[in-house]
Amino acid sequence: MRGFSKVYSNLWQSGKFNALTDNQSKLAYLYLLTSPHSNSSGCFDIKTGYATADLNCSEHDYRMAIDSLSKVGLIEVENGLNTILITNWVEFNEPTNAKHSLGVMNHLNAASSNILKTKRVQEFIKIIDAKKHERDPSCGAVLERLCHDYRMAIEPLSSPRPKTETQTLDQEGDLNKDQTLNLDARESSRSPLRAVAVKGDGLAALEEEEFPRLPDHLNRLLNTNLMRRTG
């Protein structure tokens, strides 16, 4: 559990925050920023029952607040999971050293949503590279290996998927499309997930996408004594 969280005073001048029309949603956002269930990555799982107990509100009111926060872009969520990603978190919570970066990566691995986890990993890796935390003599080697494995897991997401299409007309002149995807061997490790994103005036379900599971050796690395200490 974290001992403190950063909440900047300019939050009260935030356009997104002030776009919230009810105090319950504002309280819910402050709760997510400072909750004992949050972590240094800004991407974490929180059970509805814990949140409603802490906020002393009904499940309906909590879900309405989460929906409001999603609509204005203060958080992102994934349909069917309890993972919360606080947007713009990295801008105000950069890791200050290599050990801090290791702790962030460790926390990220615990999140249930591969979609949100992947998005946050990409943000943090840019900072880790810029600050050269991988060169730290005490834990840089572990961090470098971890970032490398995360990159290997993320890379297939941005790779184009070659495909071929054959089109045939039936007897009535209707157009039927048959698509076949030529996927390489690494596609076999992917698992389908469905996400929710802000679109238009509310939440909209995205198409099913396939995201890679983290390699077994990466999970073993995250469970070492060093990684547990950085958590």
Protein backbone atom coordinates (compact mmCIF):
# COMPACT_ATOMS: atom_id res chain seq x y z
CA MET A 1 0.00 0.00 0.00
CA ARG A 2 1.32 3.44 -0.91
CA GLY A 3 2.11 5.91 1.86
CA PHE A 4 1.14 8.97 -0.20
CA SER A 5 -0.09 10.13 -3.60
CA LYS A 6 0.49 13.31 -5.57
CA VAL A 7 -2.56 15.50 -6.12
CA TYR A 8 -1.69 18.82 -7.75
CA SER A 9 -3.66 21.94 -6.85
CA ASN A 10 -4.20 22.77 -10.54
CA LEU A 11 -6.62 19.82 -10.63
CA TRP A 12 -9.31 22.35 -9.72
CA GLN A 13 -8.58 24.26 -12.93
CA SER A 14 -8.64 21.11 -15.07
CA GLY A 15 -11.15 21.27 -17.90
CA LYS A 16 -11.80 17.53 -17.72
CA PHE A 17 -12.28 17.59 -13.95
CA ASN A 18 -14.63 20.57 -14.13
CA ALA A 19 -16.57 18.86 -16.90
CA LEU A 20 -17.83 16.44 -14.25
CA THR A 21 -21.36 17.49 -13.34
CA ASP A 22 -21.70 15.80 -9.96
CA ASN A 23 -19.71 15.68 -6.75
CA GLN A 24 -19.85 11.88 -6.58
CA SER A 25 -17.75 11.62 -9.76
CA LYS A 26 -15.24 14.17 -8.47
CA LEU A 27 -14.94 12.29 -5.20
CA ALA A 28 -14.49 9.02 -7.09
CA TYR A 29 -11.62 10.53 -9.09
CA LEU A 30 -9.88 11.80 -5.96
CA TYR A 31 -10.42 8.36 -4.47
CA LEU A 32 -8.75 6.64 -7.44
CA LEU A 33 -5.79 9.02 -7.19
CA THR A 34 -5.30 8.39 -3.47
CA SER A 35 -6.81 4.94 -2.93
CA PRO A 36 -4.80 2.36 -0.94
CA HIS A 37 -5.49 0.04 -3.89
CA SER A 38 -3.68 2.31 -6.37
CA ASN A 39 0.02 2.07 -7.17
CA SER A 40 2.96 3.94 -8.69
CA SER A 41 2.05 2.93 -12.26
CA GLY A 42 -1.40 4.53 -12.29
CA CYS A 43 -2.79 1.30 -13.76
CA PHE A 44 -4.29 -1.08 -11.24
CA ASP A 45 -7.16 -3.42 -10.39
CA ILE A 46 -9.75 -2.34 -7.84
CA LYS A 47 -12.75 -4.41 -6.88
CA THR A 48 -16.11 -2.68 -6.95
CA GLY A 49 -16.90 -3.89 -3.43
CA TYR A 50 -13.78 -2.25 -2.02
CA ALA A 51 -14.53 1.04 -3.75
CA THR A 52 -18.17 1.19 -2.67
CA ALA A 53 -17.19 0.42 0.93
CA ASP A 54 -14.52 3.13 0.98
CA LEU A 55 -16.77 5.69 -0.71
CA ASN A 56 -19.87 4.65 1.23
CA CYS A 57 -21.94 4.57 -1.93
CA SER A 58 -24.02 2.07 -3.88
CA GLU A 59 -22.62 -0.05 -6.70
CA HIS A 60 -24.88 1.83 -9.13
CA ASP A 61 -23.53 5.21 -8.04
CA TYR A 62 -19.94 3.99 -8.26
CA ARG A 63 -20.41 2.61 -11.77
CA MET A 64 -22.09 5.84 -12.85
CA ALA A 65 -19.11 7.78 -11.49
CA ILE A 66 -16.65 5.52 -13.36
CA ASP A 67 -18.67 6.02 -16.54
CA SER A 68 -18.53 9.81 -16.07
CA LEU A 69 -14.77 9.73 -15.51
CA SER A 70 -14.35 7.64 -18.67
CA LYS A 71 -16.47 9.99 -20.73
CA VAL A 72 -14.40 13.07 -19.88
CA GLY A 73 -11.13 11.18 -20.40
CA LEU A 74 -9.78 11.15 -16.84
CA ILE A 75 -9.55 7.35 -16.79
CA GLU A 76 -9.74 4.39 -19.14
CA VAL A 77 -11.34 1.05 -18.33
CA GLU A 78 -11.78 -2.31 -20.01
CA ASN A 79 -15.17 -3.94 -20.25
CA GLY A 80 -15.61 -6.82 -17.82
CA LEU A 81 -12.44 -6.15 -15.82
CA ASN A 82 -11.70 -4.09 -12.72
CA THR A 83 -8.58 -2.43 -14.16
CA ILE A 84 -8.37 1.37 -13.99
CA LEU A 85 -5.87 3.39 -16.01
CA ILE A 86 -5.53 7.01 -14.89
CA THR A 87 -4.75 9.12 -17.94
CA ASN A 88 -1.88 11.65 -17.86
CA TRP A 89 -0.49 9.80 -14.84
CA VAL A 90 3.02 9.52 -16.25
CA GLU A 91 3.20 13.28 -16.86
CA PHE A 92 3.02 13.90 -13.09
CA ASN A 93 4.55 10.66 -11.76
CA GLU A 94 7.74 9.92 -13.68
CA PRO A 95 10.03 7.32 -12.08
CA THR A 96 12.91 9.12 -10.42
CA ASN A 97 15.49 6.33 -10.51
CA ALA A 98 16.09 2.77 -11.71
CA LYS A 99 14.68 1.13 -8.58
CA HIS A 100 11.53 3.24 -8.90
CA SER A 101 11.22 2.11 -12.53
CA LEU A 102 11.50 -1.53 -11.47
CA GLY A 103 8.72 -1.02 -8.94
CA VAL A 104 6.49 0.55 -11.59
CA MET A 105 7.01 -2.38 -13.96
CA ASN A 106 6.34 -4.82 -11.14
CA HIS A 107 3.02 -3.14 -10.34
CA LEU A 108 2.03 -3.08 -14.00
CA ASN A 109 2.45 -6.83 -14.29
CA ALA A 110 -0.27 -7.29 -11.64
CA ALA A 111 -2.94 -5.47 -13.70
CA SER A 112 -5.54 -7.76 -15.32
CA SER A 113 -6.00 -5.79 -18.53
CA ASN A 114 -3.33 -6.47 -21.14
CA ILE A 115 -4.73 -3.63 -23.23
CA LEU A 116 -4.34 -0.95 -20.56
CA LYS A 117 -1.12 -2.46 -19.23
CA THR A 118 0.47 -2.37 -22.68
CA LYS A 119 -0.49 1.27 -23.14
CA ARG A 120 1.07 2.29 -19.83
CA VAL A 121 4.22 0.21 -20.39
CA GLN A 122 4.87 2.06 -23.64
CA GLU A 123 4.63 5.39 -21.82
CA PHE A 124 7.04 4.38 -19.06
CA ILE A 125 9.59 2.73 -21.36
CA LYS A 126 10.06 6.04 -23.20
CA ILE A 127 10.94 7.71 -19.88
CA ILE A 128 13.20 4.85 -18.77
CA ASP A 129 15.09 5.10 -22.06
CA ALA A 130 15.36 8.89 -21.85
CA LYS A 131 16.67 8.80 -18.27
CA LYS A 132 18.99 5.84 -19.01
CA HIS A 133 17.82 3.92 -15.94
CA GLU A 134 18.94 0.71 -17.62
CA ARG A 135 22.55 1.79 -16.97
CA ASP A 136 22.11 1.82 -13.20
CA PRO A 137 24.80 -0.45 -11.66
CA SER A 138 22.57 -1.86 -8.91
CA CYS A 139 19.48 -3.00 -10.85
CA GLY A 140 19.92 -1.69 -14.38
CA ALA A 141 20.62 -5.13 -15.83
CA VAL A 142 17.32 -6.52 -14.51
CA LEU A 143 15.46 -3.43 -15.71
CA GLU A 144 17.06 -3.67 -19.15
CA ARG A 145 16.01 -7.33 -19.47
CA LEU A 146 12.50 -6.49 -18.31
CA CYS A 147 12.10 -3.61 -20.75
CA HIS A 148 13.47 -5.77 -23.55
CA ASP A 149 10.93 -8.51 -22.87
CA TYR A 150 8.11 -6.00 -22.66
CA ARG A 151 9.18 -4.59 -26.03
CA MET A 152 9.16 -8.08 -27.51
CA ALA A 153 5.62 -8.57 -26.19
CA ILE A 154 4.42 -5.19 -27.45
CA GLU A 155 6.08 -5.23 -30.90
CA PRO A 156 3.60 -7.64 -32.54
CA LEU A 157 0.74 -5.26 -31.66
CA SER A 158 2.01 -2.64 -34.09
CA SER A 159 3.12 -5.04 -36.82
CA PRO A 160 0.86 -5.12 -39.89
CA ARG A 161 -1.06 -8.32 -40.40
CA PRO A 162 -0.89 -9.48 -44.01
CA LYS A 163 -4.18 -10.73 -45.36
CA THR A 164 -5.82 -11.78 -48.62
CA GLU A 165 -9.43 -11.39 -49.65
CA THR A 166 -11.45 -13.31 -52.18
CA GLN A 167 -14.82 -12.02 -53.23
CA THR A 168 -17.54 -14.02 -54.87
CA LEU A 169 -21.02 -13.07 -56.02
CA ASP A 170 -23.88 -15.41 -55.27
CA GLN A 171 -26.65 -16.22 -57.75
CA GLU A 172 -28.76 -13.23 -56.63
CA GLY A 173 -25.92 -10.80 -57.15
CA ASP A 174 -25.18 -10.25 -53.46
CA LEU A 175 -21.56 -9.71 -52.53
CA ASN A 176 -20.00 -12.16 -50.08
CA LYS A 177 -16.55 -11.55 -48.71
CA ASP A 178 -14.28 -14.29 -47.45
CA GLN A 179 -11.18 -13.19 -45.63
CA THR A 180 -8.22 -15.30 -44.69
CA LEU A 181 -5.41 -14.05 -42.47
CA ASN A 182 -1.85 -15.21 -42.95
CA LEU A 183 -0.48 -14.96 -39.41
CA ASP A 184 3.10 -15.83 -38.47
CA ALA A 185 4.04 -18.26 -35.71
CA ARG A 186 4.07 -15.68 -32.92
CA GLU A 187 0.35 -15.00 -33.40
CA SER A 188 -0.38 -18.32 -31.68
CA SER A 189 0.42 -16.81 -28.26
CA ARG A 190 -2.26 -14.15 -28.48
CA SER A 191 -5.54 -14.14 -26.58
CA PRO A 192 -8.72 -12.19 -27.55
CA LEU A 193 -9.74 -9.29 -25.34
CA ARG A 194 -12.49 -6.73 -25.64
CA ALA A 195 -11.85 -3.15 -24.59
CA VAL A 196 -13.90 -0.08 -23.80
CA ALA A 197 -12.76 3.36 -24.89
CA VAL A 198 -14.11 6.89 -24.87
CA LYS A 199 -15.83 7.58 -28.15
CA GLY A 200 -18.32 10.29 -28.97
CA ASP A 201 -20.44 11.06 -25.93
CA GLY A 202 -19.75 7.94 -23.94
CA LEU A 203 -18.20 4.50 -23.74
CA ALA A 204 -18.05 2.43 -26.88
CA ALA A 205 -16.95 -1.18 -27.22
CA LEU A 206 -13.95 -1.71 -29.47
CA GLU A 207 -13.64 -4.55 -31.93
CA GLU A 208 -12.05 -7.72 -30.59
CA GLU A 209 -8.27 -7.41 -30.75
CA GLU A 210 -5.62 -9.92 -29.94
CA PHE A 211 -2.87 -9.13 -27.50
CA PRO A 212 0.13 -11.21 -26.46
CA ARG A 213 0.54 -12.88 -23.13
CA LEU A 214 3.75 -11.97 -21.35
CA PRO A 215 6.45 -14.63 -21.82
CA ASP A 216 6.84 -17.18 -19.02
CA HIS A 217 10.42 -16.12 -18.36
CA LEU A 218 9.24 -12.51 -17.90
CA ASN A 219 6.72 -13.59 -15.29
CA ARG A 220 9.44 -15.58 -13.53
CA LEU A 221 11.66 -12.51 -13.59
CA LEU A 222 8.96 -10.40 -11.99
CA ASN A 223 8.64 -12.88 -9.14
CA THR A 224 12.29 -12.72 -8.08
CA ASN A 225 13.23 -11.37 -4.65
CA LEU A 226 14.60 -8.17 -6.20
CA MET A 227 11.36 -7.46 -8.02
CA ARG A 228 9.26 -8.16 -4.92
CA ARG A 229 11.36 -5.70 -2.92
CA THR A 230 10.83 -2.96 -5.49
CA GLY A 231 7.03 -3.43 -5.33
